[in-house]
Amino acid sequence: MPARPEPPVINTPEHHFGAMFLVIATRQPDDATLRAAANLIDSAATASWALRPDSLVTLAQDQYRQLLDYTAAPQVLDLALYLGGDRKQIRTLMDHIGREIAELLVHYPAPQPRD
C-alpha cells in the first residue's frame, strides 16, 4: 500500500489560527483539495508579487508572502478552497490578493524613501 501523502504545509501566523481552523472546518476539504488549494495560493502569491504595486517593489518574494500571510491568510485560503484549488482560477485568486494588499496599504502606507 502506498504511503499517504503528507498534507501541505500552510504557514499560519498565530493570530490567524482560529480563523484558519474555522475555514477548514467549514469547507471540510479532502486532502487532494487542500493540496490543490495550497498550490493555487503559492502560484497566485508568486504572480501577485510579480505584479505588486510600485510602493512594494523593494519586497522580496518571501517578504511579500509573509505580508500576505500575516494580513489575509484565512481569506486567501477560504477563496482557494471555494475555487477547489482549480489552477484555471489563478486570476481570481490573484485579484483577491491584490485587493487585500491594496486594502492594507490604505491603512498602512509603505514608507517613502528619504531624499
C-alpha atoms as a PDB file:
ATOM      1  CA  MET A   1       0.000   0.000   0.000  1.00  0.00           C
ATOM      2  CA  PRO A   2       1.489   3.359  -0.999  1.00  0.00           C
ATOM      3  CA  ALA A   3       2.203   5.834   1.766  1.00  0.00           C
ATOM      4  CA  ARG A   4      -0.389   8.512   2.236  1.00  0.00           C
ATOM      5  CA  PRO A   5       0.918  11.891   1.042  1.00  0.00           C
ATOM      6  CA  GLU A   6       1.604  14.465   3.698  1.00  0.00           C
ATOM      7  CA  PRO A   7      -0.833  17.352   3.951  1.00  0.00           C
ATOM      8  CA  PRO A   8       0.561  20.625   2.637  1.00  0.00           C
ATOM      9  CA  VAL A   9       2.337  22.967   4.988  1.00  0.00           C
ATOM     10  CA  ILE A  10       0.353  26.153   5.354  1.00  0.00           C
ATOM     11  CA  ASN A  11       2.317  28.738   7.276  1.00  0.00           C
ATOM     12  CA  THR A  12      -0.182  30.426   9.528  1.00  0.00           C
ATOM     13  CA  PRO A  13       0.582  33.342  11.819  1.00  0.00           C
ATOM     14  CA  GLU A  14      -0.584  32.598  15.337  1.00  0.00           C
ATOM     15  CA  HIS A  15      -3.247  35.314  15.309  1.00  0.00           C
ATOM     16  CA  HIS A  16      -4.973  33.526  12.391  1.00  0.00           C
ATOM     17  CA  PHE A  17      -5.149  30.014  13.911  1.00  0.00           C
ATOM     18  CA  GLY A  18      -8.801  30.329  14.905  1.00  0.00           C
ATOM     19  CA  ALA A  19      -9.914  31.734  11.564  1.00  0.00           C
ATOM     20  CA  MET A  20      -7.901  29.143   9.629  1.00  0.00           C
ATOM     21  CA  PHE A  21      -9.417  26.351  11.709  1.00  0.00           C
ATOM     22  CA  LEU A  22     -12.880  27.763  11.030  1.00  0.00           C
ATOM     23  CA  VAL A  23     -12.229  27.903   7.271  1.00  0.00           C
ATOM     24  CA  ILE A  24     -11.005  24.301   7.189  1.00  0.00           C
ATOM     25  CA  ALA A  25     -13.792  23.066   9.475  1.00  0.00           C
ATOM     26  CA  THR A  26     -16.418  24.862   7.396  1.00  0.00           C
ATOM     27  CA  ARG A  27     -15.121  23.868   3.962  1.00  0.00           C
ATOM     28  CA  GLN A  28     -14.041  20.346   5.060  1.00  0.00           C
ATOM     29  CA  PRO A  29     -11.678  19.811   2.130  1.00  0.00           C
ATOM     30  CA  ASP A  30     -10.323  16.387   1.337  1.00  0.00           C
ATOM     31  CA  ASP A  31      -6.537  16.005   1.176  1.00  0.00           C
ATOM     32  CA  ALA A  32      -6.369  16.499  -2.589  1.00  0.00           C
ATOM     33  CA  THR A  33      -8.424  19.695  -2.470  1.00  0.00           C
ATOM     34  CA  LEU A  34      -6.361  21.088   0.399  1.00  0.00           C
ATOM     35  CA  ARG A  35      -3.134  20.357  -1.520  1.00  0.00           C
ATOM     36  CA  ALA A  36      -4.562  21.896  -4.691  1.00  0.00           C
ATOM     37  CA  ALA A  37      -5.662  24.995  -2.761  1.00  0.00           C
ATOM     38  CA  ALA A  38      -2.211  25.356  -1.160  1.00  0.00           C
ATOM     39  CA  ASN A  39      -0.578  25.062  -4.596  1.00  0.00           C
ATOM     40  CA  LEU A  40      -3.004  27.602  -6.044  1.00  0.00           C
ATOM     41  CA  ILE A  41      -2.181  30.011  -3.205  1.00  0.00           C
ATOM     42  CA  ASP A  42       1.546  29.586  -3.819  1.00  0.00           C
ATOM     43  CA  SER A  43       1.158  30.238  -7.548  1.00  0.00           C
ATOM     44  CA  ALA A  44      -1.192  33.197  -7.116  1.00  0.00           C
ATOM     45  CA  ALA A  45       1.002  34.765  -4.418  1.00  0.00           C
ATOM     46  CA  THR A  46       4.051  34.475  -6.671  1.00  0.00           C
ATOM     47  CA  ALA A  47       2.204  36.015  -9.614  1.00  0.00           C
ATOM     48  CA  SER A  48       0.799  38.773  -7.390  1.00  0.00           C
ATOM     49  CA  TRP A  49       4.291  39.524  -6.125  1.00  0.00           C
ATOM     50  CA  ALA A  50       5.463  39.910  -9.725  1.00  0.00           C
ATOM     51  CA  LEU A  51       2.652  42.440 -10.278  1.00  0.00           C
ATOM     52  CA  ARG A  52       2.977  44.144  -6.865  1.00  0.00           C
ATOM     53  CA  PRO A  53       2.479  47.897  -6.589  1.00  0.00           C
ATOM     54  CA  ASP A  54       5.480  50.180  -7.019  1.00  0.00           C
ATOM     55  CA  SER A  55       5.398  51.038  -3.324  1.00  0.00           C
ATOM     56  CA  LEU A  56       6.259  47.401  -2.532  1.00  0.00           C
ATOM     57  CA  VAL A  57       8.882  46.885  -5.235  1.00  0.00           C
ATOM     58  CA  THR A  58      11.610  46.537  -2.593  1.00  0.00           C
ATOM     59  CA  LEU A  59       9.933  43.477  -1.046  1.00  0.00           C
ATOM     60  CA  ALA A  60      11.453  40.144  -1.915  1.00  0.00           C
ATOM     61  CA  GLN A  61       9.073  37.354  -2.871  1.00  0.00           C
ATOM     62  CA  ASP A  62       9.240  35.702   0.547  1.00  0.00           C
ATOM     63  CA  GLN A  63       8.666  39.046   2.283  1.00  0.00           C
ATOM     64  CA  TYR A  64       5.592  39.689   0.142  1.00  0.00           C
ATOM     65  CA  ARG A  65       4.285  36.227   1.000  1.00  0.00           C
ATOM     66  CA  GLN A  66       4.892  36.831   4.719  1.00  0.00           C
ATOM     67  CA  LEU A  67       2.996  40.110   4.485  1.00  0.00           C
ATOM     68  CA  LEU A  68       0.126  38.365   2.716  1.00  0.00           C
ATOM     69  CA  ASP A  69       0.042  35.526   5.244  1.00  0.00           C
ATOM     70  CA  TYR A  70       0.185  37.940   8.167  1.00  0.00           C
ATOM     71  CA  THR A  71      -2.692  40.063   6.903  1.00  0.00           C
ATOM     72  CA  ALA A  72      -5.020  37.791   4.933  1.00  0.00           C
ATOM     73  CA  ALA A  73      -4.181  34.081   5.292  1.00  0.00           C
ATOM     74  CA  PRO A  74      -7.728  32.946   6.198  1.00  0.00           C
ATOM     75  CA  GLN A  75      -9.401  34.956   3.439  1.00  0.00           C
ATOM     76  CA  VAL A  76      -6.976  33.667   0.815  1.00  0.00           C
ATOM     77  CA  LEU A  77      -7.330  30.047   1.959  1.00  0.00           C
ATOM     78  CA  ASP A  78     -11.119  30.347   2.037  1.00  0.00           C
ATOM     79  CA  LEU A  79     -11.250  31.577  -1.547  1.00  0.00           C
ATOM     80  CA  ALA A  80      -8.721  28.979  -2.730  1.00  0.00           C
ATOM     81  CA  LEU A  81     -10.834  26.226  -1.169  1.00  0.00           C
ATOM     82  CA  TYR A  82     -14.027  27.727  -2.595  1.00  0.00           C
ATOM     83  CA  LEU A  83     -12.356  27.617  -6.018  1.00  0.00           C
ATOM     84  CA  GLY A  84     -11.468  23.971  -5.371  1.00  0.00           C
ATOM     85  CA  GLY A  85      -7.781  24.687  -5.930  1.00  0.00           C
ATOM     86  CA  ASP A  86      -8.522  24.960  -9.667  1.00  0.00           C
ATOM     87  CA  ARG A  87      -5.406  26.430 -11.319  1.00  0.00           C
ATOM     88  CA  LYS A  88      -7.618  27.854 -14.060  1.00  0.00           C
ATOM     89  CA  GLN A  89      -8.914  30.236 -11.388  1.00  0.00           C
ATOM     90  CA  ILE A  90      -5.499  31.698 -10.588  1.00  0.00           C
ATOM     91  CA  ARG A  91      -6.501  35.158 -11.851  1.00  0.00           C
ATOM     92  CA  THR A  92      -9.453  35.235  -9.467  1.00  0.00           C
ATOM     93  CA  LEU A  93      -7.185  34.496  -6.519  1.00  0.00           C
ATOM     94  CA  MET A  94      -4.528  36.940  -7.769  1.00  0.00           C
ATOM     95  CA  ASP A  95      -7.131  39.705  -7.961  1.00  0.00           C
ATOM     96  CA  HIS A  96      -8.267  38.895  -4.429  1.00  0.00           C
ATOM     97  CA  ILE A  97      -4.689  39.013  -3.156  1.00  0.00           C
ATOM     98  CA  GLY A  98      -4.174  42.342  -4.906  1.00  0.00           C
ATOM     99  CA  ARG A  99      -7.266  43.756  -3.204  1.00  0.00           C
ATOM    100  CA  GLU A 100      -6.103  42.508   0.201  1.00  0.00           C
ATOM    101  CA  ILE A 101      -2.699  44.149  -0.257  1.00  0.00           C
ATOM    102  CA  ALA A 102      -4.285  47.367  -1.560  1.00  0.00           C
ATOM    103  CA  GLU A 103      -6.547  47.483   1.497  1.00  0.00           C
ATOM    104  CA  LEU A 104      -3.528  47.013   3.729  1.00  0.00           C
ATOM    105  CA  LEU A 105      -1.725  49.879   2.004  1.00  0.00           C
ATOM    106  CA  VAL A 106      -4.720  52.169   2.550  1.00  0.00           C
ATOM    107  CA  HIS A 107      -4.354  51.721   6.300  1.00  0.00           C
ATOM    108  CA  TYR A 108      -0.576  51.282   6.466  1.00  0.00           C
ATOM    109  CA  PRO A 109       1.144  53.056   3.569  1.00  0.00           C
ATOM    110  CA  ALA A 110       4.570  51.809   2.564  1.00  0.00           C
ATOM    111  CA  PRO A 111       7.372  54.036   3.833  1.00  0.00           C
ATOM    112  CA  GLN A 112       8.668  56.567   1.353  1.00  0.00           C
ATOM    113  CA  PRO A 113      12.407  56.734   0.666  1.00  0.00           C
ATOM    114  CA  ARG A 114      14.145  59.764   2.117  1.00  0.00           C
ATOM    115  CA  ASP A 115      15.967  62.062  -0.252  1.00  0.00           C
END
